[in-house]
Amino acid sequence: MSIADHSLETPATIPAVRVRAGSAEFDILTLDEALSFAQANPHPRGDYDGLIRRLQIATDPEDVIEAGNAFRWWAESNGIAVEPHA
């Protein structure tokens, strides 16, 4: 399934991750958002190419959760994950 096919369906939600790009913060809630953010903000730590592939091919619920967790790990590894404000 391509990312275009994903767009026609209900977006696949992932565990929420707040990330920083420069001085802006973003809440990432779907696979599409995670993929768009990662492609626009490549960072060297972690398996970046593997992350992109995971985000692109995740379709069943377990794969979606795993891809979301991989995105969180990648963001944390690169110091761009932000703790939510209380």
N, C-alpha and C. Protein backbone atom coordinates (compact mmCIF):
# COMPACT_ATOMS: atom_id res chain seq x y z
N MET A 1 0.86 -1.18 0.00
CA MET A 1 0.00 0.00 0.00
C MET A 1 0.89 1.23 0.00
N SER A 2 0.60 2.17 -0.84
CA SER A 2 1.40 3.39 -0.92
C SER A 2 0.86 4.44 0.04
N ILE A 3 1.62 5.47 0.26
CA ILE A 3 1.18 6.57 1.13
C ILE A 3 -0.06 7.24 0.54
N ALA A 4 -0.19 7.26 -0.78
CA ALA A 4 -1.38 7.84 -1.41
C ALA A 4 -2.62 7.01 -1.05
N ASP A 5 -2.47 5.69 -1.01
CA ASP A 5 -3.59 4.83 -0.62
C ASP A 5 -3.99 5.09 0.82
N HIS A 6 -2.98 5.31 1.68
CA HIS A 6 -3.25 5.62 3.09
C HIS A 6 -4.12 6.87 3.20
N SER A 7 -3.87 7.86 2.36
CA SER A 7 -4.57 9.14 2.45
C SER A 7 -6.05 9.00 2.17
N LEU A 8 -6.45 7.98 1.42
CA LEU A 8 -7.86 7.79 1.10
C LEU A 8 -8.63 7.16 2.24
N GLU A 9 -7.92 6.53 3.15
CA GLU A 9 -8.53 5.86 4.28
C GLU A 9 -8.45 6.76 5.51
N THR A 10 -9.05 6.29 6.59
CA THR A 10 -8.89 6.98 7.86
C THR A 10 -7.41 6.92 8.23
N PRO A 11 -6.81 8.04 8.63
CA PRO A 11 -5.40 8.02 8.97
C PRO A 11 -5.11 7.02 10.08
N ALA A 12 -4.02 6.29 9.95
CA ALA A 12 -3.62 5.31 10.95
C ALA A 12 -3.01 6.06 12.13
N THR A 13 -3.67 6.00 13.27
CA THR A 13 -3.18 6.71 14.44
C THR A 13 -2.08 5.92 15.14
N ILE A 14 -1.16 6.65 15.72
CA ILE A 14 -0.04 6.07 16.47
C ILE A 14 -0.05 6.69 17.85
N PRO A 15 0.70 6.12 18.80
CA PRO A 15 0.83 6.78 20.09
C PRO A 15 1.41 8.19 19.88
N ALA A 16 0.77 9.19 20.44
CA ALA A 16 1.15 10.59 20.21
C ALA A 16 2.60 10.86 20.60
N VAL A 17 3.27 11.64 19.76
CA VAL A 17 4.65 12.07 20.00
C VAL A 17 4.72 13.55 19.70
N ARG A 18 5.24 14.33 20.63
CA ARG A 18 5.47 15.76 20.39
C ARG A 18 6.94 15.91 20.01
N VAL A 19 7.19 16.58 18.89
CA VAL A 19 8.55 16.77 18.39
C VAL A 19 8.82 18.24 18.12
N ARG A 20 10.10 18.55 18.04
CA ARG A 20 10.54 19.92 17.80
C ARG A 20 11.30 19.98 16.48
N ALA A 21 11.02 21.02 15.72
CA ALA A 21 11.80 21.34 14.52
C ALA A 21 12.13 22.82 14.64
N GLY A 22 13.38 23.12 14.95
CA GLY A 22 13.75 24.51 15.22
C GLY A 22 13.06 24.95 16.50
N SER A 23 12.34 26.07 16.45
CA SER A 23 11.63 26.56 17.64
C SER A 23 10.17 26.12 17.66
N ALA A 24 9.72 25.42 16.63
CA ALA A 24 8.32 24.96 16.56
C ALA A 24 8.19 23.55 17.15
N GLU A 25 7.02 23.29 17.75
CA GLU A 25 6.71 21.97 18.27
C GLU A 25 5.47 21.46 17.55
N PHE A 26 5.46 20.15 17.28
CA PHE A 26 4.36 19.52 16.57
C PHE A 26 3.92 18.26 17.30
N ASP A 27 2.62 18.03 17.37
CA ASP A 27 2.08 16.78 17.88
C ASP A 27 1.89 15.86 16.69
N ILE A 28 2.55 14.73 16.70
CA ILE A 28 2.45 13.74 15.63
C ILE A 28 1.48 12.66 16.10
N LEU A 29 0.38 12.51 15.36
CA LEU A 29 -0.69 11.60 15.78
C LEU A 29 -0.97 10.48 14.80
N THR A 30 -0.46 10.58 13.56
CA THR A 30 -0.75 9.57 12.54
C THR A 30 0.53 9.14 11.83
N LEU A 31 0.44 8.01 11.15
CA LEU A 31 1.58 7.55 10.35
C LEU A 31 1.95 8.56 9.28
N ASP A 32 0.94 9.14 8.63
CA ASP A 32 1.22 10.13 7.58
C ASP A 32 1.98 11.33 8.14
N GLU A 33 1.57 11.80 9.32
CA GLU A 33 2.27 12.93 9.94
C GLU A 33 3.69 12.55 10.31
N ALA A 34 3.88 11.35 10.85
CA ALA A 34 5.23 10.90 11.22
C ALA A 34 6.12 10.79 9.99
N LEU A 35 5.58 10.23 8.93
CA LEU A 35 6.35 10.09 7.69
C LEU A 35 6.71 11.46 7.11
N SER A 36 5.74 12.35 7.04
CA SER A 36 6.00 13.70 6.51
C SER A 36 7.04 14.42 7.35
N PHE A 37 6.92 14.34 8.68
CA PHE A 37 7.87 15.01 9.56
C PHE A 37 9.27 14.42 9.37
N ALA A 38 9.38 13.10 9.39
CA ALA A 38 10.70 12.46 9.27
C ALA A 38 11.35 12.78 7.93
N GLN A 39 10.57 12.81 6.86
CA GLN A 39 11.14 13.13 5.54
C GLN A 39 11.58 14.58 5.47
N ALA A 40 10.85 15.48 6.12
CA ALA A 40 11.20 16.90 6.09
C ALA A 40 12.32 17.25 7.07
N ASN A 41 12.54 16.37 8.06
CA ASN A 41 13.52 16.64 9.12
C ASN A 41 14.41 15.44 9.35
N PRO A 42 15.19 15.01 8.35
CA PRO A 42 16.04 13.83 8.55
C PRO A 42 17.10 14.11 9.61
N HIS A 43 17.32 13.15 10.47
CA HIS A 43 18.35 13.24 11.51
C HIS A 43 19.17 11.96 11.46
N PRO A 44 20.46 12.05 11.80
CA PRO A 44 21.38 10.94 11.57
C PRO A 44 21.29 9.76 12.55
N ARG A 45 20.83 9.98 13.76
CA ARG A 45 20.85 8.89 14.74
C ARG A 45 19.70 7.92 14.51
N GLY A 46 19.99 6.65 14.78
CA GLY A 46 18.98 5.63 14.57
C GLY A 46 18.99 5.17 13.12
N ASP A 47 18.15 4.23 12.82
CA ASP A 47 18.05 3.67 11.47
C ASP A 47 17.02 4.49 10.69
N TYR A 48 17.44 5.63 10.15
CA TYR A 48 16.54 6.54 9.46
C TYR A 48 15.85 5.86 8.28
N ASP A 49 16.63 5.18 7.43
CA ASP A 49 16.04 4.53 6.26
C ASP A 49 15.04 3.44 6.67
N GLY A 50 15.39 2.69 7.71
CA GLY A 50 14.48 1.67 8.23
C GLY A 50 13.21 2.28 8.78
N LEU A 51 13.34 3.42 9.45
CA LEU A 51 12.17 4.13 9.98
C LEU A 51 11.23 4.53 8.85
N ILE A 52 11.78 5.11 7.82
CA ILE A 52 10.96 5.55 6.68
C ILE A 52 10.22 4.35 6.08
N ARG A 53 10.93 3.25 5.88
CA ARG A 53 10.29 2.04 5.33
C ARG A 53 9.16 1.56 6.24
N ARG A 54 9.41 1.52 7.54
CA ARG A 54 8.39 1.07 8.50
C ARG A 54 7.15 1.94 8.43
N LEU A 55 7.35 3.25 8.38
CA LEU A 55 6.21 4.18 8.32
C LEU A 55 5.44 4.01 7.02
N GLN A 56 6.14 3.70 5.94
CA GLN A 56 5.50 3.56 4.63
C GLN A 56 4.69 2.27 4.51
N ILE A 57 5.14 1.18 5.13
CA ILE A 57 4.49 -0.10 4.87
C ILE A 57 3.57 -0.59 5.98
N ALA A 58 3.53 0.09 7.12
CA ALA A 58 2.68 -0.38 8.23
C ALA A 58 1.21 -0.32 7.83
N THR A 59 0.52 -1.45 7.95
CA THR A 59 -0.89 -1.49 7.60
C THR A 59 -1.75 -2.09 8.69
N ASP A 60 -1.32 -3.20 9.29
CA ASP A 60 -2.16 -3.79 10.33
C ASP A 60 -1.87 -3.11 11.67
N PRO A 61 -2.79 -3.23 12.63
CA PRO A 61 -2.67 -2.48 13.89
C PRO A 61 -1.33 -2.68 14.62
N GLU A 62 -0.82 -3.91 14.62
CA GLU A 62 0.46 -4.16 15.31
C GLU A 62 1.61 -3.43 14.62
N ASP A 63 1.62 -3.45 13.28
CA ASP A 63 2.67 -2.76 12.53
C ASP A 63 2.59 -1.24 12.74
N VAL A 64 1.37 -0.72 12.81
CA VAL A 64 1.18 0.72 13.02
C VAL A 64 1.74 1.13 14.38
N ILE A 65 1.44 0.35 15.41
CA ILE A 65 1.96 0.66 16.75
C ILE A 65 3.48 0.56 16.77
N GLU A 66 4.02 -0.48 16.15
CA GLU A 66 5.47 -0.65 16.09
C GLU A 66 6.13 0.51 15.33
N ALA A 67 5.52 0.93 14.23
CA ALA A 67 6.06 2.06 13.46
C ALA A 67 6.01 3.34 14.30
N GLY A 68 4.91 3.53 15.03
CA GLY A 68 4.81 4.69 15.92
C GLY A 68 5.87 4.67 17.00
N ASN A 69 6.11 3.50 17.57
CA ASN A 69 7.15 3.38 18.59
C ASN A 69 8.53 3.61 18.00
N ALA A 70 8.75 3.14 16.77
CA ALA A 70 10.03 3.39 16.09
C ALA A 70 10.23 4.88 15.85
N PHE A 71 9.15 5.59 15.48
CA PHE A 71 9.24 7.03 15.29
C PHE A 71 9.61 7.71 16.60
N ARG A 72 8.93 7.31 17.70
CA ARG A 72 9.25 7.90 19.02
C ARG A 72 10.71 7.65 19.38
N TRP A 73 11.19 6.42 19.19
CA TRP A 73 12.58 6.10 19.52
C TRP A 73 13.54 6.94 18.69
N TRP A 74 13.24 7.07 17.38
CA TRP A 74 14.09 7.88 16.50
C TRP A 74 14.11 9.33 16.98
N ALA A 75 12.94 9.90 17.32
CA ALA A 75 12.86 11.28 17.79
C ALA A 75 13.63 11.45 19.10
N GLU A 76 13.49 10.50 20.02
CA GLU A 76 14.22 10.58 21.28
C GLU A 76 15.72 10.46 21.05
N SER A 77 16.13 9.56 20.17
CA SER A 77 17.55 9.36 19.87
C SER A 77 18.20 10.61 19.30
N ASN A 78 17.40 11.40 18.59
CA ASN A 78 17.92 12.62 17.96
C ASN A 78 17.65 13.88 18.77
N GLY A 79 17.11 13.72 19.98
CA GLY A 79 16.91 14.87 20.86
C GLY A 79 15.83 15.83 20.38
N ILE A 80 14.87 15.33 19.58
CA ILE A 80 13.81 16.22 19.09
C ILE A 80 12.44 15.88 19.68
N ALA A 81 12.37 14.84 20.53
CA ALA A 81 11.12 14.51 21.22
C ALA A 81 10.97 15.50 22.38
N VAL A 82 9.75 15.96 22.58
CA VAL A 82 9.48 16.94 23.62
C VAL A 82 8.43 16.35 24.56
N GLU A 83 8.65 16.49 25.85
CA GLU A 83 7.66 16.03 26.81
C GLU A 83 6.45 16.96 26.74
N PRO A 84 5.24 16.41 26.77
CA PRO A 84 4.05 17.27 26.75
C PRO A 84 4.02 18.20 27.95
N HIS A 85 3.50 19.39 27.74
CA HIS A 85 3.36 20.35 28.83
C HIS A 85 2.23 19.94 29.73
N ALA A 86 2.42 20.08 31.02
CA ALA A 86 1.38 19.71 31.99
C ALA A 86 0.31 20.79 32.10
